[in-house]
C-alpha cells in the first residue's frame, strides 16, 4: 500500500512490486523510498554521471556531451542534483529529451541547493526524483555519501567525469565497484587537481577510460547510431552564424545572441557531437573544417 504525501510524492517499500529492483542489490536497501515522477523513467539502460561540485568548464562540457549522447540513445542518466557535474548532466539530458533520475540527500520535499529548486521540479515533472530520507529531512553530513550508494545501484555504468581526491564522486565509484557495476572515468591532465581523483581511479581501480561519449555506449554494448546532423535552423542557426563571425566560446555566443548561457552550451554540445564544431585544448570552440 503506497503512502502519499503532498506534490504527488509517494513512499515505496521493498515488498512492493514497483520498488526499483536494482536497489535490492544493496546490503541495506532503503526500507522506505520516497519518489516523485514516473518510475519507468529509471528503467535500464542507466548510466550514472557524477563529479565535483566545483566543475571546470571542461568538466561541464564533457558531462554535457556524455549526457546528451545517452539521452539520444534512450539511456537514462542518474545523478545527485548537486552543483557542478550533477546539475549539468541532468539539464543536458532533459534538454535533449532524455530520461533522468535525481537521487536526493535530503527529504523529497526539500531543495538543496536552493537554486536547484526549478531543476528539481522539472525533473519531478519530466523524470524521476527519489530519496530514502523522509519529508522534512534537511539532510546531514553523512546523508550525501549515503545516497551515493543508490546512484551506483541504479546504474549499469558509473562515469566519474571530474573529481579531486576529496570528491564524494569517489564514494559513488567505490559503491559501483562493490556492487559489481562497471566503473568508467574521464582521464584528466596530470597537473590538474580537479581531476586527480579520476586519474587515481584509473591507476588503482583499473576503471574503463572514457575517451569519447560513444565509449559509454560501448560499455552498455550499444552501438552509436549515426545522426543526420542538426538542421541549422532556430537557435542552432543563430549560434552557428555567431561562431562563423568570430565568437569562440559559449559565453561569447551568449553575449552576442542574447540567448541564455545554458541554452547555448546545450546547442554547442549537440553541434560537437554532430561533428560541426570542435573545442581546442584551451576550451575555445571552432566551426569544424568543411562543416556548414
Protein backbone atom coordinates (compact mmCIF):
# COMPACT_ATOMS: atom_id res chain seq x y z
CA UNK A 1 0.00 0.00 0.00
CA UNK A 2 1.53 3.32 -1.06
CA UNK A 3 1.87 6.18 1.40
CA UNK A 4 1.16 9.51 -0.31
CA UNK A 5 2.48 12.96 0.52
CA UNK A 6 1.91 16.38 -0.98
CA UNK A 7 3.10 17.27 -4.50
CA UNK A 8 2.45 13.72 -5.69
CA UNK A 9 5.26 12.15 -3.66
CA UNK A 10 4.71 8.57 -2.56
CA UNK A 11 6.55 6.09 -0.40
CA UNK A 12 7.57 2.60 -1.55
CA UNK A 13 8.88 -0.35 0.46
CA UNK A 14 11.00 -3.28 -0.82
CA UNK A 15 7.99 -5.61 -0.64
CA UNK A 16 6.14 -3.65 -3.32
CA UNK A 17 6.41 -4.72 -6.95
CA UNK A 18 7.21 -1.23 -8.26
CA UNK A 19 10.11 -0.71 -5.84
CA UNK A 20 13.24 -0.31 -8.05
CA UNK A 21 14.62 -3.85 -8.34
CA UNK A 22 18.27 -2.81 -8.50
CA UNK A 23 18.14 -1.22 -5.06
CA UNK A 24 17.53 -4.70 -3.65
CA UNK A 25 21.17 -5.47 -4.58
CA UNK A 26 22.27 -3.22 -1.72
CA UNK A 27 23.23 -4.75 1.62
CA UNK A 28 20.99 -2.18 3.27
CA UNK A 29 18.28 -1.33 0.75
CA UNK A 30 16.14 1.63 1.81
CA UNK A 31 13.20 0.47 3.89
CA UNK A 32 11.29 3.50 2.68
CA UNK A 33 11.85 5.12 -0.69
CA UNK A 34 10.13 8.40 -1.44
CA UNK A 35 9.57 9.15 -5.13
CA UNK A 36 8.12 11.91 -7.31
CA UNK A 37 7.66 11.40 -11.01
CA UNK A 38 7.44 8.38 -13.30
CA UNK A 39 9.08 5.18 -12.00
CA UNK A 40 9.52 3.81 -15.52
CA UNK A 41 11.97 6.66 -16.18
CA UNK A 42 14.58 4.71 -14.19
CA UNK A 43 14.37 1.50 -16.25
CA UNK A 44 17.61 0.16 -17.82
CA UNK A 45 19.84 1.00 -19.52
CA UNK A 46 21.06 3.51 -16.92
CA UNK A 47 24.29 5.49 -16.66
CA UNK A 48 25.32 7.45 -13.56
CA UNK A 49 27.19 10.66 -14.36
CA UNK A 50 28.90 12.10 -11.27
CA UNK A 51 31.66 14.51 -10.38
CA UNK A 52 32.79 17.53 -8.43
CA UNK A 53 30.55 20.40 -7.39
CA UNK A 54 33.34 22.77 -8.47
CA UNK A 55 33.38 21.66 -12.08
CA UNK A 56 35.66 23.36 -14.58
CA UNK A 57 34.33 24.43 -17.98
CA UNK A 58 35.99 21.28 -19.37
CA UNK A 59 34.22 19.04 -16.83
CA UNK A 60 30.88 20.65 -17.57
CA UNK A 61 31.39 20.29 -21.32
CA UNK A 62 32.29 16.61 -21.07
CA UNK A 63 29.38 15.90 -18.72
CA UNK A 64 27.03 17.65 -21.14
CA UNK A 65 28.34 15.69 -24.13
CA UNK A 66 28.07 12.32 -22.38
CA UNK A 67 24.59 13.07 -21.05
CA UNK A 68 23.39 14.28 -24.45
CA UNK A 69 24.73 11.15 -26.14
CA UNK A 70 23.00 8.95 -23.54
CA UNK A 71 19.73 10.83 -23.96
CA UNK A 72 19.86 10.50 -27.74
CA UNK A 73 20.24 6.72 -27.43
CA UNK A 74 17.49 6.14 -24.86
CA UNK A 75 19.84 5.69 -21.90
CA UNK A 76 18.62 7.01 -18.55
CA UNK A 77 21.01 9.37 -16.73
CA UNK A 78 21.07 9.25 -12.92
CA UNK A 79 22.89 11.73 -10.71
CA UNK A 80 22.62 13.54 -7.38
CA UNK A 81 21.32 17.03 -8.27
CA UNK A 82 24.37 18.68 -6.70
CA UNK A 83 26.07 21.73 -8.14
CA UNK A 84 28.57 21.23 -10.94
CA UNK A 85 28.72 17.96 -12.87
CA UNK A 86 25.45 16.57 -11.46
CA UNK A 87 23.31 19.55 -12.43
CA UNK A 88 24.85 19.77 -15.91
CA UNK A 89 24.16 16.06 -16.51
CA UNK A 90 20.50 16.41 -15.50
CA UNK A 91 19.98 19.59 -17.53
CA UNK A 92 21.66 18.28 -20.68
CA UNK A 93 19.60 15.08 -20.54
CA UNK A 94 16.34 16.99 -20.23
CA UNK A 95 17.34 19.47 -22.93
CA UNK A 96 17.95 16.53 -25.29
CA UNK A 97 14.56 14.99 -24.46
CA UNK A 98 16.04 12.13 -22.44
CA UNK A 99 15.29 10.30 -19.19
CA UNK A 100 16.88 11.38 -15.92
CA UNK A 101 16.67 10.39 -12.23
CA UNK A 102 17.78 12.65 -9.37
CA UNK A 103 18.67 10.98 -6.06
CA UNK A 104 18.49 13.42 -3.15
CA UNK A 105 20.48 13.61 0.07
CA UNK A 106 17.55 15.37 1.74
CA UNK A 107 13.85 14.69 2.15
CA UNK A 108 11.80 14.52 -1.04
CA UNK A 109 10.21 17.90 -0.22
CA UNK A 110 13.48 19.75 0.35
CA UNK A 111 15.51 21.76 -2.17
CA UNK A 112 19.27 21.57 -1.84
CA UNK A 113 20.94 23.60 -3.08
CA UNK A 114 18.08 26.09 -3.09
CA UNK A 115 18.97 27.41 -6.53
CA UNK A 116 18.16 23.96 -7.97
CA UNK A 117 14.50 24.20 -6.98
CA UNK A 118 13.37 24.82 -10.57
CA UNK A 119 15.56 21.98 -11.87
CA UNK A 120 14.25 19.60 -9.20
CA UNK A 121 10.68 20.48 -10.10
CA UNK A 122 11.45 19.99 -13.79
CA UNK A 123 12.86 16.53 -13.08
CA UNK A 124 9.83 15.63 -10.91
CA UNK A 125 7.60 16.64 -13.84
CA UNK A 126 9.57 15.10 -16.72
CA UNK A 127 11.70 12.47 -14.97
CA UNK A 128 12.02 10.92 -11.51
CA UNK A 129 13.17 12.26 -8.13
CA UNK A 130 13.84 9.85 -5.25
CA UNK A 131 15.10 9.88 -1.68
CA UNK A 132 15.36 7.46 1.21
CA UNK A 133 15.00 10.40 3.62
CA UNK A 134 11.55 11.31 4.85
CA UNK A 135 9.70 14.56 4.14
CA UNK A 136 11.08 17.44 6.18
CA UNK A 137 14.58 15.94 6.49
CA UNK A 138 17.04 18.74 5.65
CA UNK A 139 19.96 16.33 5.34
CA UNK A 140 23.14 15.93 7.39
CA UNK A 141 26.87 15.41 6.84
CA UNK A 142 26.57 11.68 6.13
CA UNK A 143 23.39 11.86 4.07
CA UNK A 144 25.02 12.70 0.75
CA UNK A 145 27.65 9.93 0.82
CA UNK A 146 24.83 7.60 1.91
CA UNK A 147 22.66 8.49 -1.09
CA UNK A 148 25.60 7.77 -3.43
CA UNK A 149 25.08 4.03 -2.95
CA UNK A 150 21.61 4.41 -4.51
CA UNK A 151 23.08 6.20 -7.53
CA UNK A 152 25.61 3.40 -8.05
CA UNK A 153 22.99 0.68 -7.54
CA UNK A 154 20.59 2.13 -10.10
CA UNK A 155 23.23 2.33 -12.84
CA UNK A 156 24.73 -0.21 -15.24
CA UNK A 157 27.75 2.07 -15.62
CA UNK A 158 29.01 4.83 -13.31
CA UNK A 159 31.01 7.55 -15.07
CA UNK A 160 33.19 9.85 -12.97
CA UNK A 161 33.65 12.94 -15.12
CA UNK A 162 35.78 15.19 -12.91
CA UNK A 163 36.83 14.63 -9.32
CA UNK A 164 39.59 15.83 -6.99
CA UNK A 165 40.90 13.40 -4.38
CA UNK A 166 38.35 14.60 -1.82
CA UNK A 167 35.30 14.35 -4.09
CA UNK A 168 32.19 12.49 -3.00
CA UNK A 169 32.09 11.07 -6.53
CA UNK A 170 34.88 8.70 -5.46
CA UNK A 171 32.49 7.37 -2.85
CA UNK A 172 29.98 6.61 -5.62
CA UNK A 173 32.77 4.88 -7.56
CA UNK A 174 33.56 2.68 -4.57
CA UNK A 175 29.91 1.60 -4.28
CA UNK A 176 29.82 0.82 -8.02
CA UNK A 177 32.83 -1.45 -7.58
CA UNK A 178 31.34 -3.17 -4.52
CA UNK A 179 28.14 -3.86 -6.42
CA UNK A 180 30.00 -5.30 -9.40
CA UNK A 181 28.86 -2.49 -11.68
CA UNK A 182 31.05 -1.08 -14.43
CA UNK A 183 33.17 1.90 -13.38
CA UNK A 184 34.31 4.38 -16.03
CA UNK A 185 36.39 7.54 -15.73
CA UNK A 186 37.25 10.54 -17.86
CA UNK A 187 41.06 11.00 -17.77
CA UNK A 188 42.49 14.41 -16.84
CA UNK A 189 45.71 16.35 -17.20
CA UNK A 190 48.28 15.08 -14.70
CA UNK A 191 48.74 18.58 -13.25
CA UNK A 192 45.00 19.31 -12.82
CA UNK A 193 43.98 18.98 -9.13
CA UNK A 194 40.29 18.90 -10.14
CA UNK A 195 40.87 15.64 -11.99
CA UNK A 196 43.40 13.93 -9.73
CA UNK A 197 40.75 11.67 -8.22
CA UNK A 198 39.80 10.50 -11.72
CA UNK A 199 43.39 9.65 -12.61
CA UNK A 200 43.84 7.74 -9.35
CA UNK A 201 40.75 5.66 -10.16
CA UNK A 202 42.31 4.79 -13.50
CA UNK A 203 45.52 3.74 -11.80
CA UNK A 204 44.24 1.89 -8.74
CA UNK A 205 40.78 0.69 -9.77
CA UNK A 206 41.58 -0.02 -13.42
CA UNK A 207 38.42 1.83 -14.37
CA UNK A 208 37.38 1.99 -18.02
CA UNK A 209 38.72 5.18 -19.64
CA UNK A 210 36.19 7.35 -21.45
CA UNK A 211 37.89 8.99 -24.41
CA UNK A 212 34.69 9.96 -26.24
CA UNK A 213 30.98 9.99 -25.34
CA UNK A 214 30.34 6.93 -27.53
CA UNK A 215 32.67 4.92 -25.25
CA UNK A 216 29.89 4.95 -22.64
CA UNK A 217 27.51 3.35 -25.15
CA UNK A 218 30.12 0.69 -25.92
CA UNK A 219 30.26 -0.25 -22.22
CA UNK A 220 26.49 -0.82 -22.42
CA UNK A 221 27.06 -2.96 -25.53
CA UNK A 222 25.10 -0.41 -27.54
CA UNK A 223 26.09 0.89 -30.95
CA UNK A 224 26.17 4.61 -31.55
CA UNK A 225 23.60 5.38 -34.21
CA UNK A 226 24.74 7.90 -36.83
CA UNK A 227 22.87 11.18 -36.66
CA UNK A 228 21.82 13.14 -39.70
CA UNK A 229 23.20 16.25 -38.07
CA UNK A 230 21.33 19.19 -36.69
CA UNK A 231 19.22 21.13 -39.10
CA UNK A 232 20.78 24.55 -38.78
CA UNK A 233 17.67 26.49 -38.00
CA UNK A 234 16.38 28.28 -34.93
CA UNK A 235 18.88 28.55 -32.08
CA UNK A 236 21.39 26.25 -33.82
CA UNK A 237 21.50 28.56 -36.83
CA UNK A 238 21.85 31.64 -34.64
CA UNK A 239 24.75 30.09 -32.69
CA UNK A 240 26.40 28.81 -35.86
CA UNK A 241 26.24 32.25 -37.50
CA UNK A 242 27.83 33.81 -34.41
CA UNK A 243 30.64 31.24 -34.38
CA UNK A 244 31.42 31.79 -38.05
CA UNK A 245 31.64 35.52 -37.32
CA UNK A 246 34.37 35.11 -34.73
CA UNK A 247 32.79 34.10 -31.42
CA UNK A 248 34.93 31.37 -29.85
CA UNK A 249 33.23 30.45 -26.57
CA UNK A 250 29.78 29.70 -25.19
CA UNK A 251 29.94 32.94 -23.20
CA UNK A 252 30.76 34.93 -26.34
CA UNK A 253 27.91 33.32 -28.27
CA UNK A 254 25.51 34.00 -25.41
CA UNK A 255 26.66 37.61 -25.22
CA UNK A 256 26.29 38.17 -28.98
CA UNK A 257 22.94 36.40 -29.37
CA UNK A 258 21.24 37.24 -26.06
CA UNK A 259 20.47 33.53 -25.56
CA UNK A 260 20.87 32.06 -22.03
CA UNK A 261 24.33 30.55 -21.47
CA UNK A 262 22.91 27.14 -20.53
CA UNK A 263 20.91 27.06 -23.78
CA UNK A 264 23.97 27.97 -25.83
CA UNK A 265 26.04 25.29 -24.08
CA UNK A 266 23.43 22.65 -24.93
CA UNK A 267 23.37 23.71 -28.59
CA UNK A 268 27.19 23.63 -28.78
CA UNK A 269 27.20 20.13 -27.24
CA UNK A 270 24.85 18.93 -29.98
CA UNK A 271 26.93 20.64 -32.66
CA UNK A 272 30.08 18.99 -31.28
CA UNK A 273 28.51 15.51 -31.20
CA UNK A 274 27.36 16.01 -34.80
CA UNK A 275 30.89 16.97 -35.84
CA UNK A 276 30.02 20.56 -36.72
CA UNK A 277 32.25 22.23 -34.12
CA UNK A 278 35.41 21.32 -32.26
CA UNK A 279 36.91 22.51 -28.99
CA UNK A 280 40.63 23.15 -28.67
CA UNK A 281 42.82 22.47 -25.62
CA UNK A 282 42.04 25.93 -24.22
CA UNK A 283 38.31 25.28 -24.43
CA UNK A 284 37.71 27.61 -27.40
CA UNK A 285 35.10 26.46 -29.88
CA UNK A 286 35.61 26.49 -33.65
CA UNK A 287 33.44 25.55 -36.65
CA UNK A 288 34.73 22.24 -37.99
CA UNK A 289 36.62 22.40 -41.27
CA UNK A 290 34.27 21.65 -44.11
CA UNK A 291 31.14 21.89 -41.92
CA UNK A 292 28.23 24.10 -42.72
